[in-house]
C-alpha atoms as a PDB file:
ATOM      1  CA  MET A   1      43.019 -23.825  18.313  1.00  0.00           C
ATOM      2  CA  ARG A   2      39.755 -21.931  17.724  1.00  0.00           C
ATOM      3  CA  SER A   3      37.178 -23.961  15.808  1.00  0.00           C
ATOM      4  CA  LEU A   4      35.593 -22.547  12.683  1.00  0.00           C
ATOM      5  CA  PRO A   5      31.859 -21.730  12.759  1.00  0.00           C
ATOM      6  CA  THR A   6      29.622 -24.375  11.272  1.00  0.00           C
ATOM      7  CA  ILE A   7      27.639 -23.847   8.080  1.00  0.00           C
ATOM      8  CA  GLY A   8      24.447 -23.720  10.138  1.00  0.00           C
ATOM      9  CA  VAL A   9      25.785 -20.926  12.317  1.00  0.00           C
ATOM     10  CA  LEU A  10      26.940 -18.970   9.278  1.00  0.00           C
ATOM     11  CA  TRP A  11      23.534 -19.396   7.620  1.00  0.00           C
ATOM     12  CA  THR A  12      21.750 -18.237  10.780  1.00  0.00           C
ATOM     13  CA  ALA A  13      23.985 -15.188  11.070  1.00  0.00           C
ATOM     14  CA  ALA A  14      23.414 -14.279   7.424  1.00  0.00           C
ATOM     15  CA  THR A  15      19.650 -14.722   7.772  1.00  0.00           C
ATOM     16  CA  THR A  16      19.584 -12.608  10.928  1.00  0.00           C
ATOM     17  CA  SER A  17      21.565  -9.907   9.146  1.00  0.00           C
ATOM     18  CA  LEU A  18      19.089  -9.836   6.237  1.00  0.00           C
ATOM     19  CA  LEU A  19      16.116  -9.723   8.595  1.00  0.00           C
ATOM     20  CA  GLY A  20      17.781  -6.903  10.511  1.00  0.00           C
ATOM     21  CA  GLN A  21      18.269  -4.953   7.292  1.00  0.00           C
ATOM     22  CA  GLN A  22      14.599  -5.381   6.360  1.00  0.00           C
ATOM     23  CA  GLU A  23      13.323  -4.379   9.788  1.00  0.00           C
ATOM     24  CA  LEU A  24      15.557  -1.304   9.890  1.00  0.00           C
ATOM     25  CA  ILE A  25      14.149  -0.032   6.593  1.00  0.00           C
ATOM     26  CA  HIS A  26      10.571  -0.863   7.572  1.00  0.00           C
ATOM     27  CA  ALA A  27      10.934   0.861  10.954  1.00  0.00           C
ATOM     28  CA  VAL A  28      11.785   4.225   9.398  1.00  0.00           C
ATOM     29  CA  TRP A  29       8.831   4.081   7.011  1.00  0.00           C
ATOM     30  CA  ASP A  30       6.498   2.838   9.728  1.00  0.00           C
ATOM     31  CA  SER A  31       7.346   5.825  11.903  1.00  0.00           C
ATOM     32  CA  LEU A  32       6.734   8.276   9.043  1.00  0.00           C
ATOM     33  CA  LEU A  33       3.368   6.690   8.210  1.00  0.00           C
ATOM     34  CA  GLN A  34       2.105   6.888  11.772  1.00  0.00           C
ATOM     35  CA  GLN A  35       3.160  10.484  12.115  1.00  0.00           C
ATOM     36  CA  TYR A  36       1.908  11.930   8.830  1.00  0.00           C
ATOM     37  CA  VAL A  37      -0.947   9.731   7.567  1.00  0.00           C
ATOM     38  CA  TRP A  38      -4.512   9.902   8.876  1.00  0.00           C
ATOM     39  CA  ALA A  39      -7.454   8.010   7.352  1.00  0.00           C
ATOM     40  CA  GLY A  40      -5.569   7.565   4.085  1.00  0.00           C
ATOM     41  CA  GLN A  41      -4.688  11.267   3.799  1.00  0.00           C
ATOM     42  CA  VAL A  42      -1.109  12.542   3.806  1.00  0.00           C
ATOM     43  CA  ASN A  43       0.254  15.595   5.625  1.00  0.00           C
ATOM     44  CA  VAL A  44       2.610  16.578   2.807  1.00  0.00           C
ATOM     45  CA  VAL A  45       3.700  19.813   4.472  1.00  0.00           C
ATOM     46  CA  GLY A  46       5.074  17.942   7.453  1.00  0.00           C
ATOM     47  CA  LEU A  47       6.511  15.158   5.343  1.00  0.00           C
ATOM     48  CA  SER A  48       8.361  17.421   2.952  1.00  0.00           C
ATOM     49  CA  ALA A  49      10.105  19.073   5.921  1.00  0.00           C
ATOM     50  CA  ASP A  50      11.075  15.773   7.567  1.00  0.00           C
ATOM     51  CA  GLU A  51      14.597  14.642   6.668  1.00  0.00           C
ATOM     52  CA  ARG A  52      13.681  11.010   7.362  1.00  0.00           C
ATOM     53  CA  LEU A  53      11.754  10.807   4.089  1.00  0.00           C
ATOM     54  CA  SER A  54      14.880  11.561   2.059  1.00  0.00           C
ATOM     55  CA  GLN A  55      16.871   9.189   4.249  1.00  0.00           C
ATOM     56  CA  TYR A  56      14.324   6.451   3.700  1.00  0.00           C
ATOM     57  CA  LEU A  57      14.320   6.928  -0.069  1.00  0.00           C
ATOM     58  CA  HIS A  58      18.114   6.696   0.055  1.00  0.00           C
ATOM     59  CA  GLN A  59      17.840   3.398   1.937  1.00  0.00           C
ATOM     60  CA  LEU A  60      15.441   2.096  -0.706  1.00  0.00           C
ATOM     61  CA  ALA A  61      17.938   3.004  -3.418  1.00  0.00           C
ATOM     62  CA  LEU A  62      20.709   0.979  -1.737  1.00  0.00           C
ATOM     63  CA  ALA A  63      18.611  -2.037  -0.717  1.00  0.00           C
ATOM     64  CA  GLU A  64      19.136  -5.501  -2.227  1.00  0.00           C
ATOM     65  CA  PRO A  65      15.717  -7.167  -1.909  1.00  0.00           C
ATOM     66  CA  GLU A  66      16.556  -9.958  -4.385  1.00  0.00           C
ATOM     67  CA  ARG A  67      18.412 -11.653  -1.508  1.00  0.00           C
ATOM     68  CA  TRP A  68      15.262 -11.791   0.617  1.00  0.00           C
ATOM     69  CA  THR A  69      12.318 -14.200   0.751  1.00  0.00           C
ATOM     70  CA  GLN A  70       9.442 -13.626  -1.655  1.00  0.00           C
ATOM     71  CA  GLU A  71       7.186 -12.341   1.123  1.00  0.00           C
ATOM     72  CA  ALA A  72       9.876  -9.869   2.180  1.00  0.00           C
ATOM     73  CA  GLN A  73      10.380  -8.796  -1.429  1.00  0.00           C
ATOM     74  CA  MET A  74       6.658  -8.133  -1.894  1.00  0.00           C
ATOM     75  CA  ALA A  75       6.606  -6.086   1.323  1.00  0.00           C
ATOM     76  CA  PHE A  76       9.663  -4.134   0.157  1.00  0.00           C
ATOM     77  CA  TRP A  77       8.227  -3.214  -3.251  1.00  0.00           C
ATOM     78  CA  LEU A  78       4.881  -2.258  -1.712  1.00  0.00           C
ATOM     79  CA  ASN A  79       6.587   0.046   0.782  1.00  0.00           C
ATOM     80  CA  ALA A  80       8.779   1.469  -1.985  1.00  0.00           C
ATOM     81  CA  HIS A  81       5.749   2.152  -4.190  1.00  0.00           C
ATOM     82  CA  ASN A  82       3.877   3.877  -1.379  1.00  0.00           C
ATOM     83  CA  ALA A  83       6.904   5.930  -0.350  1.00  0.00           C
ATOM     84  CA  CYS A  84       7.178   7.189  -3.923  1.00  0.00           C
ATOM     85  CA  VAL A  85       3.472   8.101  -3.911  1.00  0.00           C
ATOM     86  CA  VAL A  86       4.099  10.175  -0.801  1.00  0.00           C
ATOM     87  CA  ALA A  87       7.296  11.681  -2.248  1.00  0.00           C
ATOM     88  CA  LEU A  88       5.491  12.694  -5.435  1.00  0.00           C
ATOM     89  CA  LEU A  89       2.793  14.475  -3.399  1.00  0.00           C
ATOM     90  CA  ALA A  90       5.424  16.091  -1.170  1.00  0.00           C
ATOM     91  CA  ARG A  91       7.053  17.541  -4.264  1.00  0.00           C
ATOM     92  CA  ARG A  92       3.686  19.087  -5.201  1.00  0.00           C
ATOM     93  CA  PRO A  93       2.224  20.318  -1.882  1.00  0.00           C
ATOM     94  CA  GLY A  94      -0.420  22.436  -3.648  1.00  0.00           C
ATOM     95  CA  LEU A  95      -1.755  19.644  -5.837  1.00  0.00           C
ATOM     96  CA  ARG A  96      -5.476  19.188  -5.205  1.00  0.00           C
ATOM     97  CA  LEU A  97      -6.827  17.724  -8.446  1.00  0.00           C
ATOM     98  CA  ILE A  98      -5.323  15.281 -10.936  1.00  0.00           C
ATOM     99  CA  THR A  99      -6.355  15.964 -14.498  1.00  0.00           C
ATOM    100  CA  ASN A 100      -4.053  13.473 -16.215  1.00  0.00           C
ATOM    101  CA  LEU A 101      -3.235  10.455 -14.061  1.00  0.00           C
ATOM    102  CA  ASP A 102      -1.346   8.557 -16.772  1.00  0.00           C
ATOM    103  CA  SER A 103       1.046  11.458 -17.257  1.00  0.00           C
ATOM    104  CA  LEU A 104       1.581  12.048 -13.542  1.00  0.00           C
ATOM    105  CA  ILE A 105       2.479   8.472 -12.593  1.00  0.00           C
ATOM    106  CA  ALA A 106       5.115   8.442 -15.327  1.00  0.00           C
ATOM    107  CA  ALA A 107       6.502  11.905 -14.576  1.00  0.00           C
ATOM    108  CA  ASP A 108       8.851  11.478 -11.596  1.00  0.00           C
ATOM    109  CA  THR A 109      11.644   8.938 -11.360  1.00  0.00           C
ATOM    110  CA  PHE A 110      12.992   7.308  -8.211  1.00  0.00           C
ATOM    111  CA  CYS A 111      15.963   5.043  -7.582  1.00  0.00           C
ATOM    112  CA  ILE A 112      14.759   1.822  -5.964  1.00  0.00           C
ATOM    113  CA  ALA A 113      17.126  -1.113  -5.370  1.00  0.00           C
ATOM    114  CA  GLY A 114      19.611   0.408  -7.795  1.00  0.00           C
ATOM    115  CA  GLU A 115      17.042   0.776 -10.593  1.00  0.00           C
ATOM    116  CA  GLU A 116      15.239   3.812 -11.970  1.00  0.00           C
ATOM    117  CA  HIS A 117      11.477   3.614 -11.484  1.00  0.00           C
ATOM    118  CA  THR A 118       8.321   5.656 -11.881  1.00  0.00           C
ATOM    119  CA  LEU A 119       5.044   4.949 -10.086  1.00  0.00           C
ATOM    120  CA  LEU A 120       3.908   3.220 -13.265  1.00  0.00           C
ATOM    121  CA  SER A 121       6.925   0.890 -13.429  1.00  0.00           C
ATOM    122  CA  LEU A 122       6.700   0.168  -9.681  1.00  0.00           C
ATOM    123  CA  ARG A 123       3.104  -0.971 -10.171  1.00  0.00           C
ATOM    124  CA  GLN A 124       4.274  -3.195 -13.026  1.00  0.00           C
ATOM    125  CA  ARG A 125       7.021  -4.566 -10.777  1.00  0.00           C
ATOM    126  CA  LEU A 126       4.414  -5.542  -8.187  1.00  0.00           C
ATOM    127  CA  ARG A 127       2.281  -7.245 -10.849  1.00  0.00           C
ATOM    128  CA  GLN A 128       5.198  -9.558 -11.660  1.00  0.00           C
ATOM    129  CA  PHE A 129       4.605 -11.408  -8.377  1.00  0.00           C
ATOM    130  CA  GLY A 130       1.254 -12.631  -9.709  1.00  0.00           C
ATOM    131  CA  GLU A 131      -0.519 -11.826  -6.431  1.00  0.00           C
ATOM    132  CA  PRO A 132      -3.623  -9.654  -7.064  1.00  0.00           C
ATOM    133  CA  LEU A 133      -3.983  -8.780  -3.367  1.00  0.00           C
ATOM    134  CA  LEU A 134      -0.878  -6.604  -3.724  1.00  0.00           C
ATOM    135  CA  HIS A 135      -3.041  -4.085  -5.560  1.00  0.00           C
ATOM    136  CA  PHE A 136      -4.863  -3.423  -2.282  1.00  0.00           C
ATOM    137  CA  GLY A 137      -1.559  -2.536  -0.620  1.00  0.00           C
ATOM    138  CA  ALA A 138      -0.335  -0.200  -3.363  1.00  0.00           C
ATOM    139  CA  ALA A 139      -1.818   3.164  -2.428  1.00  0.00           C
ATOM    140  CA  GLY A 140      -2.930   5.664  -5.024  1.00  0.00           C
ATOM    141  CA  LEU A 141      -2.839   9.409  -5.423  1.00  0.00           C
ATOM    142  CA  THR A 142      -6.637   9.708  -5.168  1.00  0.00           C
ATOM    143  CA  PRO A 143      -9.488   7.992  -3.247  1.00  0.00           C
ATOM    144  CA  SER A 144     -10.254   5.906  -6.352  1.00  0.00           C
ATOM    145  CA  PHE A 145      -7.354   3.707  -5.206  1.00  0.00           C
ATOM    146  CA  PRO A 146      -6.915   1.766  -1.937  1.00  0.00           C
ATOM    147  CA  PRO A 147      -5.907   4.012   0.981  1.00  0.00           C
ATOM    148  CA  LEU A 148      -2.379   4.414   2.293  1.00  0.00           C
ATOM    149  CA  ALA A 149      -2.042   2.239   5.389  1.00  0.00           C
ATOM    150  CA  ARG A 150      -0.544   3.679   8.591  1.00  0.00           C
ATOM    151  CA  ARG A 151       1.770   0.725   9.153  1.00  0.00           C
ATOM    152  CA  ALA A 152       4.673  -0.447   7.045  1.00  0.00           C
ATOM    153  CA  PHE A 153       4.397  -3.817   5.345  1.00  0.00           C
ATOM    154  CA  THR A 154       6.671  -6.570   6.609  1.00  0.00           C
ATOM    155  CA  SER A 155       6.937 -10.218   5.642  1.00  0.00           C
ATOM    156  CA  ALA A 156       5.234 -11.122   8.940  1.00  0.00           C
ATOM    157  CA  ASN A 157       2.145  -8.939   8.531  1.00  0.00           C
ATOM    158  CA  LEU A 158       1.855  -8.792   4.738  1.00  0.00           C
ATOM    159  CA  ARG A 159      -1.141 -11.084   4.131  1.00  0.00           C
ATOM    160  CA  ARG A 160      -3.143  -9.805   7.070  1.00  0.00           C
ATOM    161  CA  GLN A 161      -2.608  -6.172   6.173  1.00  0.00           C
ATOM    162  CA  LEU A 162      -3.480  -6.747   2.518  1.00  0.00           C
ATOM    163  CA  ARG A 163      -6.787  -8.272   3.579  1.00  0.00           C
ATOM    164  CA  ASP A 164      -7.379  -5.367   5.990  1.00  0.00           C
ATOM    165  CA  ASN A 165      -6.673  -2.887   3.197  1.00  0.00           C
ATOM    166  CA  ALA A 166      -9.070  -4.705   0.882  1.00  0.00           C
ATOM    167  CA  ARG A 167     -11.842  -4.541   3.483  1.00  0.00           C
ATOM    168  CA  ALA A 168     -11.172  -0.866   4.275  1.00  0.00           C
ATOM    169  CA  PHE A 169     -11.285   0.043   0.599  1.00  0.00           C
ATOM    170  CA  LEU A 170     -14.304  -2.016  -0.435  1.00  0.00           C
ATOM    171  CA  ARG A 171     -16.352  -0.813   2.519  1.00  0.00           C
ATOM    172  CA  SER A 172     -15.975   2.819   1.464  1.00  0.00           C
ATOM    173  CA  PRO A 173     -18.256   4.665  -0.997  1.00  0.00           C
ATOM    174  CA  ASP A 174     -15.231   5.465  -3.150  1.00  0.00           C
ATOM    175  CA  ALA A 175     -14.845   1.778  -3.977  1.00  0.00           C
ATOM    176  CA  CYS A 176     -18.209   0.024  -3.814  1.00  0.00           C
ATOM    177  CA  LEU A 177     -21.863   1.070  -3.976  1.00  0.00           C
ATOM    178  CA  LEU A 178     -24.813  -1.306  -4.315  1.00  0.00           C
ATOM    179  CA  GLU A 179     -27.812   0.039  -6.219  1.00  0.00           C
ATOM    180  CA  VAL A 180     -30.607  -2.410  -5.400  1.00  0.00           C
ATOM    181  CA  GLN A 181     -33.173  -0.739  -7.683  1.00  0.00           C
ATOM    182  CA  THR A 182     -31.114  -1.548 -10.782  1.00  0.00           C
ATOM    183  CA  ASN A 183     -29.298  -4.560  -9.315  1.00  0.00           C
ATOM    184  CA  THR A 184     -26.006  -2.821 -10.064  1.00  0.00           C
ATOM    185  CA  LEU A 185     -22.756  -2.994  -8.138  1.00  0.00           C
ATOM    186  CA  TRP A 186     -20.802   0.204  -8.734  1.00  0.00           C
ATOM    187  CA  LEU A 187     -17.056  -0.240  -8.298  1.00  0.00           C
ATOM    188  CA  SER A 188     -14.072   2.073  -8.360  1.00  0.00           C
ATOM    189  CA  PRO A 189     -12.428   2.348 -11.809  1.00  0.00           C
ATOM    190  CA  PHE A 190      -9.428   0.809 -10.044  1.00  0.00           C
ATOM    191  CA  PHE A 191     -11.128  -2.561 -10.573  1.00  0.00           C
ATOM    192  CA  ALA A 192     -11.565  -1.904 -14.276  1.00  0.00           C
ATOM    193  CA  TRP A 193      -7.865  -1.089 -14.659  1.00  0.00           C
ATOM    194  CA  TYR A 194      -6.712  -4.270 -12.904  1.00  0.00           C
ATOM    195  CA  ARG A 195      -9.628  -6.584 -13.592  1.00  0.00           C
ATOM    196  CA  ALA A 196      -7.475  -9.078 -15.501  1.00  0.00           C
ATOM    197  CA  ASP A 197      -5.222  -9.496 -12.447  1.00  0.00           C
ATOM    198  CA  PHE A 198      -8.150 -10.140 -10.118  1.00  0.00           C
ATOM    199  CA  GLU A 199      -9.569 -12.747 -12.500  1.00  0.00           C
ATOM    200  CA  ARG A 200      -6.236 -14.415 -13.268  1.00  0.00           C
ATOM    201  CA  SER A 201      -6.727 -17.310 -10.814  1.00  0.00           C
ATOM    202  CA  GLY A 202     -10.013 -18.366 -12.404  1.00  0.00           C
ATOM    203  CA  HIS A 203     -12.234 -16.398 -10.025  1.00  0.00           C
ATOM    204  CA  THR A 204     -14.573 -13.718 -11.274  1.00  0.00           C
ATOM    205  CA  LEU A 205     -14.209 -10.114 -10.163  1.00  0.00           C
ATOM    206  CA  LEU A 206     -17.494 -10.469  -8.288  1.00  0.00           C
ATOM    207  CA  HIS A 207     -16.090 -13.426  -6.334  1.00  0.00           C
ATOM    208  CA  THR A 208     -13.093 -11.361  -5.221  1.00  0.00           C
ATOM    209  CA  ILE A 209     -15.279  -8.414  -4.255  1.00  0.00           C
ATOM    210  CA  ALA A 210     -17.615 -10.590  -2.172  1.00  0.00           C
ATOM    211  CA  ASN A 211     -14.758 -11.613   0.127  1.00  0.00           C
ATOM    212  CA  TYR A 212     -14.180  -8.081   1.434  1.00  0.00           C
ATOM    213  CA  VAL A 213     -17.381  -6.005   1.138  1.00  0.00           C
ATOM    214  CA  GLU A 214     -19.817  -5.285   3.972  1.00  0.00           C
ATOM    215  CA  PRO A 215     -21.592  -8.469   5.158  1.00  0.00           C
ATOM    216  CA  THR A 216     -24.987  -7.245   3.917  1.00  0.00           C
ATOM    217  CA  VAL A 217     -23.553  -6.569   0.457  1.00  0.00           C
ATOM    218  CA  ALA A 218     -21.819  -9.958   0.478  1.00  0.00           C
ATOM    219  CA  ALA A 219     -25.131 -11.646   1.323  1.00  0.00           C
ATOM    220  CA  TYR A 220     -26.870  -9.802  -1.523  1.00  0.00           C
ATOM    221  CA  ILE A 221     -24.132 -10.887  -3.939  1.00  0.00           C
ATOM    222  CA  ALA A 222     -24.488 -14.504  -2.796  1.00  0.00           C
ATOM    223  CA  ALA A 223     -28.239 -14.429  -3.384  1.00  0.00           C
ATOM    224  CA  ARG A 224     -28.221 -12.541  -6.703  1.00  0.00           C
ATOM    225  CA  ARG A 225     -24.807 -13.440  -8.121  1.00  0.00           C
ATOM    226  CA  ARG A 226     -26.048 -14.345 -11.608  1.00  0.00           C
ATOM    227  CA  GLU A 227     -28.213 -11.251 -11.935  1.00  0.00           C
ATOM    228  CA  ILE A 228     -25.906  -8.518 -10.624  1.00  0.00           C
ATOM    229  CA  ARG A 229     -24.518  -6.081 -13.133  1.00  0.00           C
ATOM    230  CA  ILE A 230     -21.091  -4.529 -12.519  1.00  0.00           C
ATOM    231  CA  ASP A 231     -20.452  -0.953 -13.548  1.00  0.00           C
ATOM    232  CA  PHE A 232     -17.712   1.502 -12.664  1.00  0.00           C
ATOM    233  CA  LEU A 233     -17.785   4.801 -10.799  1.00  0.00           C
ATOM    234  CA  PRO A 234     -16.212   7.943 -12.267  1.00  0.00           C
ATOM    235  CA  PHE A 235     -12.567   8.562 -11.407  1.00  0.00           C
ATOM    236  CA  ASN A 236     -12.199  10.740  -8.296  1.00  0.00           C
ATOM    237  CA  PRO A 237      -9.568  13.377  -9.223  1.00  0.00           C
ATOM    238  CA  HIS A 238      -9.062  14.787  -5.708  1.00  0.00           C
ATOM    239  CA  THR A 239      -5.686  13.950  -4.196  1.00  0.00           C
ATOM    240  CA  VAL A 240      -5.252  12.283  -0.810  1.00  0.00           C
ATOM    241  CA  THR A 241      -3.277  15.282   0.441  1.00  0.00           C
ATOM    242  CA  ARG A 242      -4.346  16.693   3.815  1.00  0.00           C
ATOM    243  CA  PHE A 243      -4.258  20.476   3.813  1.00  0.00           C
ATOM    244  CA  THR A 244      -5.574  21.155   7.331  1.00  0.00           C
ATOM    245  CA  ALA A 245      -3.292  21.177  10.362  1.00  0.00           C
ATOM    246  CA  ARG A 246      -3.552  18.414  12.923  1.00  0.00           C
ATOM    247  CA  ASN A 247      -1.747  17.684  16.144  1.00  0.00           C
ATOM    248  CA  ILE A 248       1.075  15.248  15.525  1.00  0.00           C
ATOM    249  CA  LEU A 249       1.553  12.245  17.785  1.00  0.00           C
ATOM    250  CA  HIS A 250       5.172  11.111  17.698  1.00  0.00           C
ATOM    251  CA  ILE A 251       5.213   7.298  17.728  1.00  0.00           C
ATOM    252  CA  LYS A 252       8.233   5.079  17.957  1.00  0.00           C
ATOM    253  CA  PRO A 253       8.922   2.811  14.956  1.00  0.00           C
ATOM    254  CA  LEU A 254       6.860  -0.401  14.970  1.00  0.00           C
ATOM    255  CA  GLN A 255       5.383   0.448  18.351  1.00  0.00           C
ATOM    256  CA  THR A 256       2.646  -1.946  19.451  1.00  0.00           C
ATOM    257  CA  ALA A 257      -0.958  -0.892  19.982  1.00  0.00           C
ATOM    258  CA  THR A 258      -0.583  -1.492  23.742  1.00  0.00           C
ATOM    259  CA  GLU A 259       2.448   0.781  23.912  1.00  0.00           C
ATOM    260  CA  GLN A 260       0.576   3.470  21.962  1.00  0.00           C
ATOM    261  CA  LYS A 261      -2.329   3.379  24.460  1.00  0.00           C
ATOM    262  CA  LYS A 262       0.066   3.735  27.393  1.00  0.00           C
ATOM    263  CA  ARG A 263       1.698   6.705  25.675  1.00  0.00           C
ATOM    264  CA  ARG A 264      -1.634   8.506  25.284  1.00  0.00           C
ATOM    265  CA  ARG A 265      -2.514   8.222  28.990  1.00  0.00           C
END
């Protein structure tokens, strides 16, 4: 008589199945990012003609992330948010300037995990996790927001990539400029919009900034912390859409850096 599988075996099989579902979704998005995103800019012409984008959005609509771990859920909603940013730009390939951001992020709706969302509601969904670093992973439509990463978020790489995104953003002139003459730290308006989230844990905004800026700026902040004045840069209305052609390197989903180097040789 065949013995029944133990509870442990059933649990392992179920967990493996869920992990497989997550990785399958992430792999599609990862491949799209590597093919169409360069330095935070999006090749919307190529993306809009690629059927995988529609397929990926369909997968997001059918997904059931509430069954996953919290880290996996955060990765899922970040990827979903960023995919909708890309989809919105792909629907408007000629969009170069954004004159009304509030209206635009509430304009288009997307089905994510069986729910109707806009970019605005997806950002609110991410805020429910209470993790301010997620803001650095949620890409924006303009350089005033953190850049779109070229790798999909997964539960395994989430924290590292969020920190990498924070450093990449805060070490760019779109996000942080130190004016020594006036002792002023100029920050992207992004930090004004989400300042309450960055200060929720009891840290000041300046403390958060100091963790990711250039070392020389971090040293200046440490020495003059009580005297520094924070002000905010004007909103940059230019979209992150790339309008110039570029040779496309086709990369397999979730391919390692070593494999990519071998492919280029």
